[in-house]
N, C-alpha and C. Protein backbone atom coordinates (compact mmCIF):
# COMPACT_ATOMS: atom_id res chain seq x y z
N UNK A 1 94.56 107.79 69.04
CA UNK A 1 94.29 108.96 69.83
C UNK A 1 94.45 108.66 71.33
N UNK A 2 93.91 107.53 71.77
CA UNK A 2 94.03 107.16 73.18
C UNK A 2 95.49 106.86 73.52
N UNK A 3 96.17 106.13 72.64
CA UNK A 3 97.57 105.79 72.89
C UNK A 3 98.41 107.08 72.93
N UNK A 4 98.11 108.01 72.05
CA UNK A 4 98.82 109.29 72.05
C UNK A 4 98.61 110.01 73.38
N UNK A 5 97.39 110.00 73.90
CA UNK A 5 97.11 110.61 75.19
C UNK A 5 97.91 109.92 76.29
N UNK A 6 97.89 108.59 76.31
CA UNK A 6 98.60 107.84 77.34
C UNK A 6 100.11 108.06 77.29
N UNK A 7 100.65 108.25 76.09
CA UNK A 7 102.10 108.37 75.93
C UNK A 7 102.64 109.79 75.99
N UNK A 8 101.77 110.79 75.84
CA UNK A 8 102.29 112.15 75.72
C UNK A 8 101.66 113.19 76.64
N UNK A 9 100.53 112.89 77.24
CA UNK A 9 99.82 113.88 78.03
C UNK A 9 100.35 113.95 79.46
N UNK A 10 100.56 115.17 79.96
CA UNK A 10 101.09 115.35 81.33
C UNK A 10 100.07 114.91 82.38
N UNK A 11 98.79 115.07 82.11
CA UNK A 11 97.77 114.60 83.05
C UNK A 11 97.83 113.08 83.15
N UNK A 12 97.98 112.41 81.99
CA UNK A 12 98.12 110.96 81.99
C UNK A 12 99.39 110.57 82.75
N UNK A 13 100.47 111.33 82.59
CA UNK A 13 101.71 111.05 83.30
C UNK A 13 101.49 111.12 84.81
N UNK A 14 100.74 112.12 85.25
CA UNK A 14 100.46 112.25 86.68
C UNK A 14 99.60 111.09 87.17
N UNK A 15 98.59 110.70 86.39
CA UNK A 15 97.75 109.57 86.77
C UNK A 15 98.55 108.28 86.81
N UNK A 16 99.45 108.10 85.84
CA UNK A 16 100.30 106.91 85.84
C UNK A 16 101.27 106.89 87.00
N UNK A 17 101.68 108.07 87.45
CA UNK A 17 102.55 108.13 88.62
C UNK A 17 101.82 107.55 89.83
N UNK A 18 100.58 107.95 90.02
CA UNK A 18 99.79 107.41 91.14
C UNK A 18 99.57 105.90 90.96
N UNK A 19 99.23 105.47 89.74
CA UNK A 19 98.97 104.06 89.46
C UNK A 19 100.22 103.22 89.69
N UNK A 20 101.37 103.67 89.18
CA UNK A 20 102.59 102.87 89.32
C UNK A 20 103.08 102.83 90.77
N UNK A 21 102.88 103.90 91.53
CA UNK A 21 103.26 103.88 92.95
C UNK A 21 102.36 102.91 93.71
N UNK A 22 101.07 102.93 93.41
CA UNK A 22 100.13 101.99 94.04
C UNK A 22 100.53 100.54 93.74
N UNK A 23 100.73 100.24 92.47
CA UNK A 23 101.09 98.89 92.06
C UNK A 23 102.48 98.52 92.59
N UNK A 24 103.39 99.47 92.55
CA UNK A 24 104.74 99.22 93.05
C UNK A 24 104.76 98.91 94.53
N UNK A 25 103.93 99.60 95.30
CA UNK A 25 103.85 99.33 96.73
C UNK A 25 103.40 97.90 96.99
N UNK A 26 102.42 97.44 96.21
CA UNK A 26 101.93 96.06 96.38
C UNK A 26 103.05 95.06 96.09
N UNK A 27 103.80 95.28 95.02
CA UNK A 27 104.90 94.38 94.68
C UNK A 27 106.01 94.46 95.72
N UNK A 28 106.38 95.67 96.11
CA UNK A 28 107.44 95.83 97.10
C UNK A 28 107.07 95.17 98.42
N UNK A 29 105.85 95.38 98.85
CA UNK A 29 105.38 94.79 100.11
C UNK A 29 105.43 93.26 100.04
N UNK A 30 104.97 92.69 98.93
CA UNK A 30 105.00 91.23 98.77
C UNK A 30 106.44 90.71 98.76
N UNK A 31 107.31 91.41 98.06
CA UNK A 31 108.71 90.98 97.97
C UNK A 31 109.43 91.07 99.30
N UNK A 32 109.26 92.18 100.00
CA UNK A 32 109.94 92.34 101.29
C UNK A 32 109.42 91.33 102.30
N UNK A 33 108.11 91.08 102.26
CA UNK A 33 107.52 90.07 103.16
C UNK A 33 108.19 88.71 102.93
N UNK A 34 108.41 88.37 101.66
CA UNK A 34 109.05 87.08 101.35
C UNK A 34 110.52 87.09 101.73
N UNK A 35 111.20 88.22 101.52
CA UNK A 35 112.62 88.30 101.85
C UNK A 35 112.87 88.21 103.35
N UNK A 36 112.00 88.82 104.14
CA UNK A 36 112.23 88.88 105.59
C UNK A 36 111.53 87.76 106.35
N UNK A 37 110.52 87.16 105.75
CA UNK A 37 109.74 86.16 106.48
C UNK A 37 110.09 84.73 106.15
N UNK A 38 111.10 84.54 105.34
CA UNK A 38 111.42 83.18 104.92
C UNK A 38 110.44 82.74 103.86
N UNK A 39 110.93 82.36 102.72
CA UNK A 39 110.07 82.01 101.60
C UNK A 39 110.56 80.71 100.99
N UNK A 40 109.61 79.83 100.72
CA UNK A 40 109.92 78.57 100.05
C UNK A 40 108.86 78.35 98.99
N UNK A 41 109.27 78.42 97.74
CA UNK A 41 108.34 78.29 96.62
C UNK A 41 107.88 76.86 96.39
N UNK A 42 108.56 75.89 96.96
CA UNK A 42 108.27 74.49 96.63
C UNK A 42 106.83 74.09 96.98
N UNK A 43 106.29 74.60 98.08
CA UNK A 43 104.90 74.28 98.43
C UNK A 43 103.92 74.80 97.39
N UNK A 44 104.13 76.04 96.96
CA UNK A 44 103.27 76.62 95.93
C UNK A 44 103.40 75.84 94.62
N UNK A 45 104.64 75.52 94.25
CA UNK A 45 104.88 74.80 93.00
C UNK A 45 104.24 73.40 93.03
N UNK A 46 104.39 72.70 94.14
CA UNK A 46 103.77 71.36 94.27
C UNK A 46 102.26 71.46 94.24
N UNK A 47 101.72 72.52 94.85
CA UNK A 47 100.28 72.72 94.83
C UNK A 47 99.76 73.01 93.42
N UNK A 48 100.55 73.78 92.65
CA UNK A 48 100.16 74.09 91.27
C UNK A 48 100.15 72.83 90.40
N UNK A 49 101.05 71.90 90.70
CA UNK A 49 101.09 70.64 89.94
C UNK A 49 99.97 69.70 90.40
N UNK A 50 99.73 69.66 91.71
CA UNK A 50 98.69 68.78 92.25
C UNK A 50 97.29 69.24 91.85
N UNK A 51 97.11 70.55 91.71
CA UNK A 51 95.80 71.11 91.36
C UNK A 51 95.92 72.03 90.16
N UNK A 52 96.21 71.48 88.97
CA UNK A 52 96.39 72.34 87.80
C UNK A 52 95.07 72.96 87.36
N UNK A 53 95.18 74.00 86.56
CA UNK A 53 93.99 74.62 85.99
C UNK A 53 93.37 73.62 85.02
N UNK A 54 92.09 73.32 85.25
CA UNK A 54 91.41 72.33 84.39
C UNK A 54 90.18 72.94 83.75
N UNK A 55 89.81 72.35 82.64
CA UNK A 55 88.60 72.72 81.93
C UNK A 55 87.83 71.45 81.63
N UNK A 56 86.81 71.56 80.79
CA UNK A 56 86.00 70.37 80.48
C UNK A 56 86.80 69.25 79.82
N UNK A 57 87.91 69.59 79.16
CA UNK A 57 88.71 68.58 78.47
C UNK A 57 89.97 68.19 79.25
N UNK A 58 90.05 68.57 80.53
CA UNK A 58 91.21 68.19 81.34
C UNK A 58 92.10 69.39 81.64
N UNK A 59 93.39 69.11 81.80
CA UNK A 59 94.36 70.15 82.16
C UNK A 59 94.47 71.16 81.02
N UNK A 60 94.36 72.44 81.37
CA UNK A 60 94.36 73.49 80.36
C UNK A 60 95.78 73.87 79.95
N UNK A 61 96.67 74.00 80.91
CA UNK A 61 98.03 74.45 80.63
C UNK A 61 99.03 73.34 80.91
N UNK A 62 98.92 72.27 80.13
CA UNK A 62 99.78 71.11 80.32
C UNK A 62 101.26 71.42 80.18
N UNK A 63 101.60 72.30 79.25
CA UNK A 63 102.99 72.69 79.08
C UNK A 63 103.54 73.40 80.31
N UNK A 64 102.70 74.22 80.93
CA UNK A 64 103.12 74.93 82.15
C UNK A 64 103.33 73.94 83.30
N UNK A 65 102.42 72.99 83.42
CA UNK A 65 102.56 71.98 84.48
C UNK A 65 103.83 71.17 84.26
N UNK A 66 104.13 70.83 83.01
CA UNK A 66 105.36 70.10 82.70
C UNK A 66 106.59 70.93 83.06
N UNK A 67 106.55 72.23 82.76
CA UNK A 67 107.65 73.12 83.12
C UNK A 67 107.85 73.14 84.63
N UNK A 68 106.75 73.25 85.37
CA UNK A 68 106.86 73.26 86.83
C UNK A 68 107.43 71.95 87.35
N UNK A 69 106.95 70.84 86.80
CA UNK A 69 107.41 69.52 87.25
C UNK A 69 108.88 69.27 86.91
N UNK A 70 109.26 69.57 85.66
CA UNK A 70 110.58 69.18 85.20
C UNK A 70 111.67 70.21 85.47
N UNK A 71 111.30 71.48 85.65
CA UNK A 71 112.32 72.50 85.85
C UNK A 71 112.17 73.26 87.17
N UNK A 72 110.97 73.75 87.44
CA UNK A 72 110.79 74.62 88.60
C UNK A 72 111.01 73.87 89.93
N UNK A 73 110.39 72.73 90.10
CA UNK A 73 110.54 72.01 91.37
C UNK A 73 111.98 71.54 91.60
N UNK A 74 112.64 70.95 90.58
CA UNK A 74 114.04 70.58 90.83
C UNK A 74 114.95 71.78 91.11
N UNK A 75 114.54 72.95 90.67
CA UNK A 75 115.34 74.16 90.88
C UNK A 75 114.61 75.15 91.79
N UNK A 76 113.89 74.63 92.75
CA UNK A 76 113.11 75.49 93.66
C UNK A 76 114.00 76.50 94.38
N UNK A 77 115.24 76.14 94.66
CA UNK A 77 116.15 77.07 95.33
C UNK A 77 116.37 78.34 94.50
N UNK A 78 116.41 78.19 93.18
CA UNK A 78 116.55 79.36 92.30
C UNK A 78 115.31 80.24 92.41
N UNK A 79 114.14 79.61 92.38
CA UNK A 79 112.89 80.36 92.47
C UNK A 79 112.71 81.00 93.85
N UNK A 80 113.30 80.38 94.88
CA UNK A 80 113.25 80.97 96.21
C UNK A 80 114.01 82.30 96.27
N UNK A 81 114.92 82.51 95.35
CA UNK A 81 115.65 83.77 95.25
C UNK A 81 114.99 84.69 94.23
N UNK A 82 114.65 84.14 93.07
CA UNK A 82 114.10 84.96 91.98
C UNK A 82 112.77 85.63 92.33
N UNK A 83 111.89 84.90 92.95
CA UNK A 83 110.56 85.45 93.22
C UNK A 83 110.60 86.62 94.21
N UNK A 84 111.18 86.46 95.39
CA UNK A 84 111.18 87.60 96.32
C UNK A 84 111.98 88.80 95.79
N UNK A 85 113.15 88.53 95.19
CA UNK A 85 113.94 89.64 94.66
C UNK A 85 113.27 90.27 93.44
N UNK A 86 112.64 89.44 92.61
CA UNK A 86 111.91 89.97 91.46
C UNK A 86 110.77 90.87 91.89
N UNK A 87 109.99 90.42 92.86
CA UNK A 87 108.88 91.24 93.36
C UNK A 87 109.40 92.54 93.98
N UNK A 88 110.48 92.46 94.74
CA UNK A 88 111.04 93.65 95.38
C UNK A 88 111.56 94.63 94.34
N UNK A 89 112.30 94.15 93.36
CA UNK A 89 112.86 95.04 92.34
C UNK A 89 111.78 95.63 91.44
N UNK A 90 110.77 94.85 91.11
CA UNK A 90 109.64 95.38 90.34
C UNK A 90 108.97 96.50 91.14
N UNK A 91 108.74 96.26 92.42
CA UNK A 91 108.13 97.29 93.26
C UNK A 91 108.96 98.55 93.31
N UNK A 92 110.27 98.42 93.51
CA UNK A 92 111.14 99.61 93.54
C UNK A 92 111.15 100.34 92.20
N UNK A 93 111.22 99.56 91.11
CA UNK A 93 111.21 100.18 89.78
C UNK A 93 109.94 100.98 89.54
N UNK A 94 108.80 100.44 89.95
CA UNK A 94 107.54 101.14 89.74
C UNK A 94 107.42 102.35 90.67
N UNK A 95 107.79 102.20 91.92
CA UNK A 95 107.68 103.32 92.86
C UNK A 95 108.60 104.46 92.45
N UNK A 96 109.84 104.14 92.10
CA UNK A 96 110.81 105.17 91.76
C UNK A 96 110.66 105.66 90.32
N UNK A 97 109.89 104.95 89.52
CA UNK A 97 109.75 105.33 88.12
C UNK A 97 111.05 105.13 87.38
N UNK A 98 111.76 104.05 87.70
CA UNK A 98 113.06 103.74 87.09
C UNK A 98 112.92 102.48 86.25
N UNK A 99 113.17 102.63 84.95
CA UNK A 99 112.94 101.53 84.01
C UNK A 99 111.52 101.01 84.19
N UNK A 100 110.60 101.93 84.18
CA UNK A 100 109.20 101.66 84.49
C UNK A 100 108.59 100.61 83.56
N UNK A 101 108.82 100.74 82.26
CA UNK A 101 108.24 99.77 81.32
C UNK A 101 108.81 98.38 81.55
N UNK A 102 110.08 98.29 81.86
CA UNK A 102 110.71 97.00 82.14
C UNK A 102 110.11 96.40 83.41
N UNK A 103 109.97 97.22 84.45
CA UNK A 103 109.38 96.75 85.70
C UNK A 103 107.95 96.27 85.47
N UNK A 104 107.18 97.03 84.68
CA UNK A 104 105.79 96.63 84.40
C UNK A 104 105.75 95.33 83.60
N UNK A 105 106.67 95.17 82.65
CA UNK A 105 106.73 93.93 81.87
C UNK A 105 106.95 92.73 82.79
N UNK A 106 107.95 92.83 83.68
CA UNK A 106 108.23 91.69 84.56
C UNK A 106 107.11 91.48 85.59
N UNK A 107 106.42 92.54 85.97
CA UNK A 107 105.25 92.38 86.83
C UNK A 107 104.18 91.56 86.11
N UNK A 108 103.93 91.88 84.85
CA UNK A 108 102.92 91.16 84.08
C UNK A 108 103.35 89.70 83.88
N UNK A 109 104.64 89.47 83.60
CA UNK A 109 105.12 88.09 83.45
C UNK A 109 104.88 87.29 84.73
N UNK A 110 105.21 87.90 85.89
CA UNK A 110 104.98 87.18 87.15
C UNK A 110 103.49 86.96 87.40
N UNK A 111 102.66 87.97 87.11
CA UNK A 111 101.22 87.80 87.29
C UNK A 111 100.69 86.66 86.43
N UNK A 112 101.13 86.59 85.16
CA UNK A 112 100.68 85.50 84.30
C UNK A 112 101.18 84.16 84.83
N UNK A 113 102.40 84.12 85.35
CA UNK A 113 102.93 82.87 85.91
C UNK A 113 102.08 82.39 87.07
N UNK A 114 101.67 83.31 87.92
CA UNK A 114 100.81 82.94 89.05
C UNK A 114 99.45 82.45 88.54
N UNK A 115 98.92 83.13 87.52
CA UNK A 115 97.62 82.71 87.00
C UNK A 115 97.70 81.34 86.32
N UNK A 116 98.77 81.10 85.55
CA UNK A 116 98.93 79.79 84.91
C UNK A 116 99.04 78.69 85.94
N UNK A 117 99.51 79.06 87.13
CA UNK A 117 99.64 78.09 88.22
C UNK A 117 98.34 77.93 89.01
N UNK A 118 97.29 78.65 88.63
CA UNK A 118 95.99 78.47 89.25
C UNK A 118 95.61 79.50 90.29
N UNK A 119 96.42 80.53 90.47
CA UNK A 119 96.12 81.57 91.45
C UNK A 119 95.53 82.77 90.73
N UNK A 120 94.27 83.07 90.98
CA UNK A 120 93.65 84.22 90.32
C UNK A 120 93.86 85.46 91.17
N UNK A 121 93.32 85.50 92.37
CA UNK A 121 93.49 86.62 93.30
C UNK A 121 93.32 87.96 92.58
N UNK A 122 94.25 88.89 92.78
CA UNK A 122 94.19 90.21 92.15
C UNK A 122 95.04 90.27 90.89
N UNK A 123 95.51 89.12 90.41
CA UNK A 123 96.38 89.09 89.24
C UNK A 123 95.76 89.72 87.99
N UNK A 124 94.48 89.48 87.66
CA UNK A 124 93.93 90.10 86.45
C UNK A 124 93.97 91.63 86.49
N UNK A 125 93.64 92.23 87.62
CA UNK A 125 93.68 93.69 87.69
C UNK A 125 95.12 94.19 87.66
N UNK A 126 96.04 93.46 88.27
CA UNK A 126 97.45 93.83 88.22
C UNK A 126 97.97 93.75 86.79
N UNK A 127 97.54 92.74 86.03
CA UNK A 127 97.93 92.61 84.63
C UNK A 127 97.41 93.81 83.83
N UNK A 128 96.17 94.19 84.07
CA UNK A 128 95.62 95.35 83.35
C UNK A 128 96.41 96.61 83.67
N UNK A 129 96.74 96.84 84.95
CA UNK A 129 97.50 98.03 85.31
C UNK A 129 98.91 97.97 84.71
N UNK A 130 99.54 96.81 84.75
CA UNK A 130 100.87 96.67 84.17
C UNK A 130 100.86 96.89 82.67
N UNK A 131 99.84 96.37 82.00
CA UNK A 131 99.71 96.56 80.56
C UNK A 131 99.55 98.04 80.22
N UNK A 132 98.70 98.74 80.96
CA UNK A 132 98.52 100.18 80.71
C UNK A 132 99.83 100.95 80.92
N UNK A 133 100.57 100.58 81.94
CA UNK A 133 101.86 101.23 82.19
C UNK A 133 102.82 100.96 81.03
N UNK A 134 102.82 99.74 80.51
CA UNK A 134 103.67 99.43 79.36
C UNK A 134 103.26 100.21 78.13
N UNK A 135 101.96 100.34 77.89
CA UNK A 135 101.48 101.10 76.73
C UNK A 135 101.89 102.56 76.87
N UNK A 136 101.82 103.12 78.07
CA UNK A 136 102.19 104.51 78.28
C UNK A 136 103.69 104.72 78.08
N UNK A 137 104.48 103.68 78.28
CA UNK A 137 105.91 103.77 78.03
C UNK A 137 106.60 104.81 78.90
N UNK A 138 107.41 105.63 78.28
CA UNK A 138 108.20 106.65 78.97
C UNK A 138 107.32 107.58 79.81
N UNK A 139 106.14 107.89 79.32
CA UNK A 139 105.25 108.83 80.02
C UNK A 139 104.86 108.33 81.41
N UNK A 140 104.83 107.01 81.60
CA UNK A 140 104.47 106.46 82.91
C UNK A 140 105.55 106.74 83.94
N UNK A 141 106.78 106.95 83.51
CA UNK A 141 107.87 107.19 84.45
C UNK A 141 108.48 108.58 84.34
N UNK A 142 107.82 109.46 83.58
CA UNK A 142 108.39 110.79 83.37
C UNK A 142 108.48 111.58 84.68
N UNK A 143 107.57 111.33 85.63
CA UNK A 143 107.66 111.93 86.96
C UNK A 143 108.35 110.94 87.90
N UNK A 144 109.51 110.54 87.51
CA UNK A 144 110.32 109.59 88.27
C UNK A 144 111.73 109.60 87.70
N UNK A 145 112.47 108.57 88.03
CA UNK A 145 113.86 108.49 87.59
C UNK A 145 114.01 108.25 86.09
N UNK A 146 112.96 107.79 85.42
CA UNK A 146 113.04 107.61 83.98
C UNK A 146 113.35 108.91 83.25
N UNK A 147 113.00 110.03 83.83
CA UNK A 147 113.31 111.33 83.24
C UNK A 147 114.81 111.46 83.00
N UNK A 148 115.62 110.80 83.83
CA UNK A 148 117.07 110.87 83.73
C UNK A 148 117.67 109.58 83.16
N UNK A 149 117.09 108.45 83.52
CA UNK A 149 117.65 107.16 83.13
C UNK A 149 117.44 106.89 81.64
N UNK A 150 116.25 107.13 81.13
CA UNK A 150 115.95 106.82 79.73
C UNK A 150 116.82 107.65 78.78
N UNK A 151 116.94 108.97 78.98
CA UNK A 151 117.84 109.72 78.08
C UNK A 151 119.30 109.24 78.15
N UNK A 152 119.74 108.84 79.35
CA UNK A 152 121.10 108.30 79.49
C UNK A 152 121.27 107.06 78.63
N UNK A 153 120.33 106.13 78.73
CA UNK A 153 120.42 104.90 77.93
C UNK A 153 120.29 105.18 76.45
N UNK A 154 119.42 106.10 76.08
CA UNK A 154 119.28 106.44 74.66
C UNK A 154 120.57 107.04 74.12
N UNK A 155 121.19 107.89 74.90
CA UNK A 155 122.44 108.51 74.47
C UNK A 155 123.56 107.47 74.40
N UNK A 156 123.60 106.60 75.40
CA UNK A 156 124.67 105.61 75.50
C UNK A 156 124.51 104.47 74.51
N UNK A 157 123.27 103.98 74.33
CA UNK A 157 123.05 102.79 73.53
C UNK A 157 122.11 103.01 72.34
N UNK A 158 121.53 104.19 72.24
CA UNK A 158 120.54 104.45 71.20
C UNK A 158 121.16 104.78 69.86
N UNK A 159 120.36 105.33 68.98
CA UNK A 159 120.78 105.66 67.63
C UNK A 159 121.94 106.64 67.61
N UNK A 160 121.99 107.56 68.58
CA UNK A 160 123.03 108.58 68.59
C UNK A 160 124.28 108.12 69.32
N UNK A 161 124.19 107.00 70.04
CA UNK A 161 125.29 106.61 70.93
C UNK A 161 126.47 105.97 70.23
N UNK A 162 127.69 106.42 70.53
CA UNK A 162 128.96 105.81 70.15
C UNK A 162 129.08 105.55 68.67
N UNK A 163 128.45 106.34 67.84
CA UNK A 163 128.61 106.21 66.40
C UNK A 163 127.95 104.99 65.80
N UNK A 164 127.10 104.31 66.54
CA UNK A 164 126.41 103.16 65.98
C UNK A 164 125.38 103.64 64.98
N UNK A 165 125.38 103.04 63.83
CA UNK A 165 124.41 103.38 62.79
C UNK A 165 123.44 102.23 62.65
N UNK A 166 122.18 102.58 62.50
CA UNK A 166 121.16 101.58 62.26
C UNK A 166 120.78 101.68 60.79
N UNK A 167 120.94 100.59 60.07
CA UNK A 167 120.63 100.59 58.65
C UNK A 167 119.14 100.77 58.44
N UNK A 168 118.80 101.51 57.40
CA UNK A 168 117.40 101.77 57.10
C UNK A 168 116.78 100.64 56.36
């Protein structure tokens, strides 16, 4: 019943419009700040390795620390591009309501990445908002560009598109 309300109700769509614009502004602002102010992820990555998330039995996310050590730091230049552009594009997607569920998914992925690296900040609330936007699906972007983009993709690549048949 709640999921039906979130996915189909126009009032929920209006509330999600406000929520996604709010969250999108935060992402866009963070991304543009990094794009224009010079951004280097290596300090953050080294800090995440030097001070990993620990519990009573030691490092909690050892696999994540290994990923940061063996892949992220040697490829910090890639992350110096991916993070600011990812934040900017997520922000634009949420503000414009374009591929809203995709933008919310990548927002949640980035929030979890920051949390696994030991940064709590506002990430838990951002994850909750992103998750709600994903659950709402199309309805979260119905008052945005998704009203036009989603039907285009469904027609082009969906069940009706180009004679593609999906076996039952």
